[in-house]
Amino acid sequence: MGLFGWPKVPRLEELRNAWFDAEDHATRRAVAAEMQVLAIDEVTYVPLGSYRSYTALRSDLTDRVTGLPLYWGIRRSS
């Protein structure tokens, strides 16, 4: 049962539990494929946009955390 605003798809919840209970990789893979088909059929979410962060950095900087523009630990190389 989903919270307010969240989709309510009982079969998807059953498949999620089956995925966690699966004993081997092949079973998980089959359950995951069925989950994806069901999610597409039920339209559990609609993406409303995307966010892209562009970052330009100097070539002499090291120890930067990749991904989001996080700048702790960054330093100039010697």
PDB file of N, CA and C in Angstrom:
ATOM      1  N   MET A   1       0.854  -1.168   0.000  1.00  0.00           N
ATOM      2  CA  MET A   1       0.000   0.000   0.000  1.00  0.00           C
ATOM      3  C   MET A   1       0.899   1.230   0.000  1.00  0.00           C
ATOM      4  N   GLY A   2       0.749   2.076  -1.001  1.00  0.00           N
ATOM      5  CA  GLY A   2       1.577   3.259  -1.106  1.00  0.00           C
ATOM      6  C   GLY A   2       1.041   4.420  -0.285  1.00  0.00           C
ATOM      7  N   LEU A   3       1.911   5.335   0.040  1.00  0.00           N
ATOM      8  CA  LEU A   3       1.509   6.558   0.720  1.00  0.00           C
ATOM      9  C   LEU A   3       0.786   7.465  -0.257  1.00  0.00           C
ATOM     10  N   PHE A   4       0.214   8.552   0.247  1.00  0.00           N
ATOM     11  CA  PHE A   4      -0.486   9.499  -0.596  1.00  0.00           C
ATOM     12  C   PHE A   4       0.434   9.970  -1.722  1.00  0.00           C
ATOM     13  N   GLY A   5      -0.042   9.857  -2.943  1.00  0.00           N
ATOM     14  CA  GLY A   5       0.736  10.290  -4.091  1.00  0.00           C
ATOM     15  C   GLY A   5       1.615   9.207  -4.694  1.00  0.00           C
ATOM     16  N   TRP A   6       1.767   8.077  -4.021  1.00  0.00           N
ATOM     17  CA  TRP A   6       2.582   6.994  -4.535  1.00  0.00           C
ATOM     18  C   TRP A   6       1.689   5.969  -5.213  1.00  0.00           C
ATOM     19  N   PRO A   7       2.192   5.266  -6.210  1.00  0.00           N
ATOM     20  CA  PRO A   7       1.359   4.273  -6.906  1.00  0.00           C
ATOM     21  C   PRO A   7       1.011   3.092  -6.010  1.00  0.00           C
ATOM     22  N   LYS A   8      -0.148   2.524  -6.235  1.00  0.00           N
ATOM     23  CA  LYS A   8      -0.582   1.331  -5.512  1.00  0.00           C
ATOM     24  C   LYS A   8      -0.728   0.207  -6.522  1.00  0.00           C
ATOM     25  N   VAL A   9       0.275  -0.632  -6.600  1.00  0.00           N
ATOM     26  CA  VAL A   9       0.288  -1.764  -7.524  1.00  0.00           C
ATOM     27  C   VAL A   9       0.644  -3.004  -6.706  1.00  0.00           C
ATOM     28  N   PRO A  10      -0.365  -3.699  -6.175  1.00  0.00           N
ATOM     29  CA  PRO A  10      -0.083  -4.858  -5.313  1.00  0.00           C
ATOM     30  C   PRO A  10       0.778  -5.925  -5.980  1.00  0.00           C
ATOM     31  N   ARG A  11       0.578  -6.173  -7.266  1.00  0.00           N
ATOM     32  CA  ARG A  11       1.372  -7.195  -7.962  1.00  0.00           C
ATOM     33  C   ARG A  11       2.851  -6.807  -7.982  1.00  0.00           C
ATOM     34  N   LEU A  12       3.122  -5.523  -8.118  1.00  0.00           N
ATOM     35  CA  LEU A  12       4.506  -5.049  -8.115  1.00  0.00           C
ATOM     36  C   LEU A  12       5.146  -5.275  -6.748  1.00  0.00           C
ATOM     37  N   GLU A  13       4.390  -5.080  -5.696  1.00  0.00           N
ATOM     38  CA  GLU A  13       4.892  -5.357  -4.344  1.00  0.00           C
ATOM     39  C   GLU A  13       5.176  -6.850  -4.171  1.00  0.00           C
ATOM     40  N   GLU A  14       4.305  -7.698  -4.696  1.00  0.00           N
ATOM     41  CA  GLU A  14       4.531  -9.147  -4.626  1.00  0.00           C
ATOM     42  C   GLU A  14       5.813  -9.530  -5.359  1.00  0.00           C
ATOM     43  N   LEU A  15       6.008  -8.937  -6.531  1.00  0.00           N
ATOM     44  CA  LEU A  15       7.212  -9.238  -7.304  1.00  0.00           C
ATOM     45  C   LEU A  15       8.465  -8.731  -6.593  1.00  0.00           C
ATOM     46  N   ARG A  16       8.362  -7.591  -5.963  1.00  0.00           N
ATOM     47  CA  ARG A  16       9.505  -7.062  -5.218  1.00  0.00           C
ATOM     48  C   ARG A  16       9.896  -8.031  -4.104  1.00  0.00           C
ATOM     49  N   ASN A  17       8.913  -8.529  -3.371  1.00  0.00           N
ATOM     50  CA  ASN A  17       9.189  -9.496  -2.311  1.00  0.00           C
ATOM     51  C   ASN A  17       9.744 -10.797  -2.882  1.00  0.00           C
ATOM     52  N   ALA A  18       9.229 -11.212  -4.040  1.00  0.00           N
ATOM     53  CA  ALA A  18       9.743 -12.428  -4.689  1.00  0.00           C
ATOM     54  C   ALA A  18      11.194 -12.239  -5.110  1.00  0.00           C
ATOM     55  N   TRP A  19      11.540 -11.028  -5.538  1.00  0.00           N
ATOM     56  CA  TRP A  19      12.922 -10.751  -5.931  1.00  0.00           C
ATOM     57  C   TRP A  19      13.847 -10.890  -4.730  1.00  0.00           C
ATOM     58  N   PHE A  20      13.433 -10.349  -3.583  1.00  0.00           N
ATOM     59  CA  PHE A  20      14.252 -10.473  -2.379  1.00  0.00           C
ATOM     60  C   PHE A  20      14.360 -11.923  -1.905  1.00  0.00           C
ATOM     61  N   ASP A  21      13.300 -12.701  -2.098  1.00  0.00           N
ATOM     62  CA  ASP A  21      13.285 -14.087  -1.640  1.00  0.00           C
ATOM     63  C   ASP A  21      13.920 -15.059  -2.620  1.00  0.00           C
ATOM     64  N   ALA A  22      14.269 -14.610  -3.820  1.00  0.00           N
ATOM     65  CA  ALA A  22      14.816 -15.503  -4.848  1.00  0.00           C
ATOM     66  C   ALA A  22      16.138 -16.116  -4.381  1.00  0.00           C
ATOM     67  N   GLU A  23      16.310 -17.375  -4.720  1.00  0.00           N
ATOM     68  CA  GLU A  23      17.492 -18.112  -4.282  1.00  0.00           C
ATOM     69  C   GLU A  23      18.695 -17.955  -5.220  1.00  0.00           C
ATOM     70  N   ASP A  24      18.429 -17.709  -6.513  1.00  0.00           N
ATOM     71  CA  ASP A  24      19.542 -17.645  -7.459  1.00  0.00           C
ATOM     72  C   ASP A  24      19.385 -16.453  -8.409  1.00  0.00           C
ATOM     73  N   HIS A  25      20.442 -16.216  -9.147  1.00  0.00           N
ATOM     74  CA  HIS A  25      20.494 -15.071 -10.059  1.00  0.00           C
ATOM     75  C   HIS A  25      19.475 -15.195 -11.189  1.00  0.00           C
ATOM     76  N   ALA A  26      19.286 -16.381 -11.708  1.00  0.00           N
ATOM     77  CA  ALA A  26      18.353 -16.579 -12.827  1.00  0.00           C
ATOM     78  C   ALA A  26      16.922 -16.236 -12.407  1.00  0.00           C
ATOM     79  N   THR A  27      16.538 -16.632 -11.208  1.00  0.00           N
ATOM     80  CA  THR A  27      15.196 -16.322 -10.720  1.00  0.00           C
ATOM     81  C   THR A  27      15.037 -14.824 -10.512  1.00  0.00           C
ATOM     82  N   ARG A  28      16.046 -14.181  -9.922  1.00  0.00           N
ATOM     83  CA  ARG A  28      15.997 -12.728  -9.732  1.00  0.00           C
ATOM     84  C   ARG A  28      15.873 -12.009 -11.068  1.00  0.00           C
ATOM     85  N   ARG A  29      16.598 -12.497 -12.035  1.00  0.00           N
ATOM     86  CA  ARG A  29      16.562 -11.870 -13.353  1.00  0.00           C
ATOM     87  C   ARG A  29      15.177 -11.983 -13.984  1.00  0.00           C
ATOM     88  N   ALA A  30      14.550 -13.135 -13.860  1.00  0.00           N
ATOM     89  CA  ALA A  30      13.208 -13.339 -14.419  1.00  0.00           C
ATOM     90  C   ALA A  30      12.181 -12.469 -13.695  1.00  0.00           C
ATOM     91  N   VAL A  31      12.277 -12.390 -12.376  1.00  0.00           N
ATOM     92  CA  VAL A  31      11.358 -11.552 -11.596  1.00  0.00           C
ATOM     93  C   VAL A  31      11.569 -10.086 -11.950  1.00  0.00           C
ATOM     94  N   ALA A  32      12.814  -9.657 -12.092  1.00  0.00           N
ATOM     95  CA  ALA A  32      13.104  -8.265 -12.441  1.00  0.00           C
ATOM     96  C   ALA A  32      12.533  -7.908 -13.813  1.00  0.00           C
ATOM     97  N   ALA A  33      12.624  -8.828 -14.754  1.00  0.00           N
ATOM     98  CA  ALA A  33      12.066  -8.577 -16.087  1.00  0.00           C
ATOM     99  C   ALA A  33      10.550  -8.414 -16.010  1.00  0.00           C
ATOM    100  N   GLU A  34       9.902  -9.250 -15.217  1.00  0.00           N
ATOM    101  CA  GLU A  34       8.446  -9.129 -15.053  1.00  0.00           C
ATOM    102  C   GLU A  34       8.077  -7.821 -14.339  1.00  0.00           C
ATOM    103  N   MET A  35       8.906  -7.420 -13.376  1.00  0.00           N
ATOM    104  CA  MET A  35       8.668  -6.149 -12.683  1.00  0.00           C
ATOM    105  C   MET A  35       8.746  -4.970 -13.660  1.00  0.00           C
ATOM    106  N   GLN A  36       9.700  -5.007 -14.549  1.00  0.00           N
ATOM    107  CA  GLN A  36       9.862  -3.907 -15.498  1.00  0.00           C
ATOM    108  C   GLN A  36       8.686  -3.832 -16.460  1.00  0.00           C
ATOM    109  N   VAL A  37       8.222  -4.985 -16.939  1.00  0.00           N
ATOM    110  CA  VAL A  37       7.058  -4.998 -17.830  1.00  0.00           C
ATOM    111  C   VAL A  37       5.836  -4.441 -17.107  1.00  0.00           C
ATOM    112  N   LEU A  38       5.629  -4.868 -15.876  1.00  0.00           N
ATOM    113  CA  LEU A  38       4.487  -4.399 -15.093  1.00  0.00           C
ATOM    114  C   LEU A  38       4.586  -2.897 -14.815  1.00  0.00           C
ATOM    115  N   ALA A  39       5.772  -2.417 -14.491  1.00  0.00           N
ATOM    116  CA  ALA A  39       5.955  -0.987 -14.217  1.00  0.00           C
ATOM    117  C   ALA A  39       5.651  -0.147 -15.453  1.00  0.00           C
ATOM    118  N   ILE A  40       6.025  -0.635 -16.627  1.00  0.00           N
ATOM    119  CA  ILE A  40       5.722   0.084 -17.867  1.00  0.00           C
ATOM    120  C   ILE A  40       4.226   0.041 -18.153  1.00  0.00           C
ATOM    121  N   ASP A  41       3.599  -1.106 -17.952  1.00  0.00           N
ATOM    122  CA  ASP A  41       2.159  -1.238 -18.205  1.00  0.00           C
ATOM    123  C   ASP A  41       1.324  -0.395 -17.249  1.00  0.00           C
ATOM    124  N   GLU A  42       1.735  -0.322 -15.987  1.00  0.00           N
ATOM    125  CA  GLU A  42       0.958   0.398 -14.969  1.00  0.00           C
ATOM    126  C   GLU A  42       1.297   1.884 -14.894  1.00  0.00           C
ATOM    127  N   VAL A  43       2.357   2.310 -15.537  1.00  0.00           N
ATOM    128  CA  VAL A  43       2.838   3.699 -15.506  1.00  0.00           C
ATOM    129  C   VAL A  43       2.954   4.170 -14.052  1.00  0.00           C
ATOM    130  N   THR A  44       3.924   3.592 -13.332  1.00  0.00           N
ATOM    131  CA  THR A  44       4.088   3.905 -11.918  1.00  0.00           C
ATOM    132  C   THR A  44       4.689   5.282 -11.664  1.00  0.00           C
ATOM    133  N   TYR A  45       5.313   5.871 -12.668  1.00  0.00           N
ATOM    134  CA  TYR A  45       5.808   7.238 -12.538  1.00  0.00           C
ATOM    135  C   TYR A  45       5.946   7.851 -13.922  1.00  0.00           C
ATOM    136  N   VAL A  46       5.952   9.165 -13.957  1.00  0.00           N
ATOM    137  CA  VAL A  46       6.133   9.895 -15.204  1.00  0.00           C
ATOM    138  C   VAL A  46       7.258  10.900 -14.970  1.00  0.00           C
ATOM    139  N   PRO A  47       8.385  10.747 -15.645  1.00  0.00           N
ATOM    140  CA  PRO A  47       9.471  11.701 -15.453  1.00  0.00           C
ATOM    141  C   PRO A  47       9.065  13.069 -16.005  1.00  0.00           C
ATOM    142  N   LEU A  48       9.222  14.089 -15.200  1.00  0.00           N
ATOM    143  CA  LEU A  48       8.804  15.427 -15.595  1.00  0.00           C
ATOM    144  C   LEU A  48       9.953  16.322 -16.033  1.00  0.00           C
ATOM    145  N   GLY A  49      11.130  15.794 -16.047  1.00  0.00           N
ATOM    146  CA  GLY A  49      12.269  16.598 -16.470  1.00  0.00           C
ATOM    147  C   GLY A  49      13.564  15.935 -16.068  1.00  0.00           C
ATOM    148  N   SER A  50      14.632  16.630 -16.297  1.00  0.00           N
ATOM    149  CA  SER A  50      15.933  16.102 -15.916  1.00  0.00           C
ATOM    150  C   SER A  50      16.813  17.244 -15.434  1.00  0.00           C
ATOM    151  N   TYR A  51      17.873  16.899 -14.788  1.00  0.00           N
ATOM    152  CA  TYR A  51      18.795  17.888 -14.254  1.00  0.00           C
ATOM    153  C   TYR A  51      20.199  17.481 -14.661  1.00  0.00           C
ATOM    154  N   ARG A  52      20.931  18.396 -15.181  1.00  0.00           N
ATOM    155  CA  ARG A  52      22.301  18.120 -15.573  1.00  0.00           C
ATOM    156  C   ARG A  52      23.188  19.226 -15.022  1.00  0.00           C
ATOM    157  N   SER A  53      24.240  18.845 -14.382  1.00  0.00           N
ATOM    158  CA  SER A  53      25.170  19.804 -13.796  1.00  0.00           C
ATOM    159  C   SER A  53      26.453  19.819 -14.620  1.00  0.00           C
ATOM    160  N   TYR A  54      26.737  20.931 -15.208  1.00  0.00           N
ATOM    161  CA  TYR A  54      27.961  21.070 -15.990  1.00  0.00           C
ATOM    162  C   TYR A  54      29.039  21.694 -15.112  1.00  0.00           C
ATOM    163  N   THR A  55      30.219  21.106 -15.117  1.00  0.00           N
ATOM    164  CA  THR A  55      31.304  21.593 -14.289  1.00  0.00           C
ATOM    165  C   THR A  55      32.581  21.614 -15.113  1.00  0.00           C
ATOM    166  N   ALA A  56      33.276  22.712 -15.048  1.00  0.00           N
ATOM    167  CA  ALA A  56      34.581  22.813 -15.694  1.00  0.00           C
ATOM    168  C   ALA A  56      35.626  23.014 -14.602  1.00  0.00           C
ATOM    169  N   LEU A  57      36.694  22.257 -14.660  1.00  0.00           N
ATOM    170  CA  LEU A  57      37.740  22.340 -13.651  1.00  0.00           C
ATOM    171  C   LEU A  57      39.089  22.466 -14.313  1.00  0.00           C
ATOM    172  N   ARG A  58      40.008  23.014 -13.576  1.00  0.00           N
ATOM    173  CA  ARG A  58      41.376  23.119 -14.066  1.00  0.00           C
ATOM    174  C   ARG A  58      42.014  21.736 -14.135  1.00  0.00           C
ATOM    175  N   SER A  59      42.971  21.583 -15.008  1.00  0.00           N
ATOM    176  CA  SER A  59      43.607  20.271 -15.181  1.00  0.00           C
ATOM    177  C   SER A  59      44.595  19.949 -14.063  1.00  0.00           C
ATOM    178  N   ASP A  60      44.979  20.931 -13.239  1.00  0.00           N
ATOM    179  CA  ASP A  60      45.958  20.659 -12.185  1.00  0.00           C
ATOM    180  C   ASP A  60      45.313  20.366 -10.827  1.00  0.00           C
ATOM    181  N   LEU A  61      44.028  20.027 -10.800  1.00  0.00           N
ATOM    182  CA  LEU A  61      43.350  19.690  -9.551  1.00  0.00           C
ATOM    183  C   LEU A  61      43.288  18.173  -9.390  1.00  0.00           C
ATOM    184  N   THR A  62      43.477  17.702  -8.167  1.00  0.00           N
ATOM    185  CA  THR A  62      43.430  16.269  -7.897  1.00  0.00           C
ATOM    186  C   THR A  62      42.496  15.978  -6.723  1.00  0.00           C
ATOM    187  N   ASP A  63      42.218  14.704  -6.528  1.00  0.00           N
ATOM    188  CA  ASP A  63      41.390  14.204  -5.421  1.00  0.00           C
ATOM    189  C   ASP A  63      39.961  14.727  -5.458  1.00  0.00           C
ATOM    190  N   ARG A  64      39.450  15.015  -6.645  1.00  0.00           N
ATOM    191  CA  ARG A  64      38.057  15.451  -6.751  1.00  0.00           C
ATOM    192  C   ARG A  64      37.141  14.243  -6.720  1.00  0.00           C
ATOM    193  N   VAL A  65      36.046  14.343  -5.993  1.00  0.00           N
ATOM    194  CA  VAL A  65      35.041  13.293  -5.944  1.00  0.00           C
ATOM    195  C   VAL A  65      34.250  13.363  -7.246  1.00  0.00           C
ATOM    196  N   THR A  66      34.152  12.239  -7.964  1.00  0.00           N
ATOM    197  CA  THR A  66      33.423  12.242  -9.228  1.00  0.00           C
ATOM    198  C   THR A  66      31.918  12.229  -8.979  1.00  0.00           C
ATOM    199  N   GLY A  67      31.168  12.668  -9.935  1.00  0.00           N
ATOM    200  CA  GLY A  67      29.712  12.719  -9.813  1.00  0.00           C
ATOM    201  C   GLY A  67      29.248  14.150  -9.651  1.00  0.00           C
ATOM    202  N   LEU A  68      28.545  14.409  -8.575  1.00  0.00           N
ATOM    203  CA  LEU A  68      28.060  15.761  -8.304  1.00  0.00           C
ATOM    204  C   LEU A  68      29.231  16.696  -8.052  1.00  0.00           C
ATOM    205  N   PRO A  69      29.041  17.996  -8.265  1.00  0.00           N
ATOM    206  CA  PRO A  69      30.147  18.932  -8.036  1.00  0.00           C
ATOM    207  C   PRO A  69      30.409  19.136  -6.541  1.00  0.00           C
ATOM    208  N   LEU A  70      31.139  18.199  -5.955  1.00  0.00           N
ATOM    209  CA  LEU A  70      31.518  18.266  -4.546  1.00  0.00           C
ATOM    210  C   LEU A  70      32.983  18.661  -4.484  1.00  0.00           C
ATOM    211  N   TYR A  71      33.292  19.648  -3.681  1.00  0.00           N
ATOM    212  CA  TYR A  71      34.641  20.203  -3.729  1.00  0.00           C
ATOM    213  C   TYR A  71      35.442  19.994  -2.456  1.00  0.00           C
ATOM    214  N   TRP A  72      35.002  19.134  -1.526  1.00  0.00           N
ATOM    215  CA  TRP A  72      35.845  18.906  -0.368  1.00  0.00           C
ATOM    216  C   TRP A  72      36.946  17.930  -0.730  1.00  0.00           C
ATOM    217  N   GLY A  73      38.112  18.150  -0.146  1.00  0.00           N
ATOM    218  CA  GLY A  73      39.258  17.278  -0.412  1.00  0.00           C
ATOM    219  C   GLY A  73      39.993  17.592  -1.700  1.00  0.00           C
ATOM    220  N   ILE A  74      39.500  18.542  -2.474  1.00  0.00           N
ATOM    221  CA  ILE A  74      40.136  18.853  -3.754  1.00  0.00           C
ATOM    222  C   ILE A  74      41.384  19.698  -3.479  1.00  0.00           C
ATOM    223  N   ARG A  75      42.442  19.470  -4.252  1.00  0.00           N
ATOM    224  CA  ARG A  75      43.678  20.237  -4.052  1.00  0.00           C
ATOM    225  C   ARG A  75      44.415  20.349  -5.373  1.00  0.00           C
ATOM    226  N   ARG A  76      45.330  21.265  -5.407  1.00  0.00           N
ATOM    227  CA  ARG A  76      46.170  21.414  -6.595  1.00  0.00           C
ATOM    228  C   ARG A  76      47.300  20.400  -6.553  1.00  0.00           C
ATOM    229  N   SER A  77      47.601  19.822  -7.705  1.00  0.00           N
ATOM    230  CA  SER A  77      48.699  18.876  -7.751  1.00  0.00           C
ATOM    231  C   SER A  77      50.029  19.614  -7.694  1.00  0.00           C
ATOM    232  N   SER A  78      51.026  18.894  -7.236  1.00  0.00           N
ATOM    233  CA  SER A  78      52.344  19.515  -7.061  1.00  0.00           C
ATOM    234  C   SER A  78      53.106  19.570  -8.355  1.00  0.00           C
TER     235      SER A  78
END
